[in-house]
Amino acid sequence: MDTRIAVMSIIVENPQSVETLNSLLHTYSEYIIGRMGIPYRTTDRKVNVISIALDAPQDTISSLAGKVGKLPGISVKTALSNVINHDA
């Protein structure tokens, strides 16, 4: 199946959704190349910024983004590369 490289940006505003988010990311761990999390804990902005690099079929990337986007207090945006791996 063809795979694409993508970057998923996630902003977590609701700390109660973190456990569910981590469980979801664990489910898709075979497609995750890397993950970077930045806690932004100033007095007025208590959020976490997470960046996920993926190499996965496009429908898998879309499925993960849809599931993450449905979590309360979480925003997600995905950027897909134009490079397609036909050998996966």
Foldseek 3Di string as FASTA:
>chain_A
DKKWKKKKKKKAPDPVCVVVLVVLCVVVVVFWPDKDKDQDDDPVDGMIIMMTIGIGHPVVVVVSQVVQCPGPRMDMDMDIDPDMDPPD
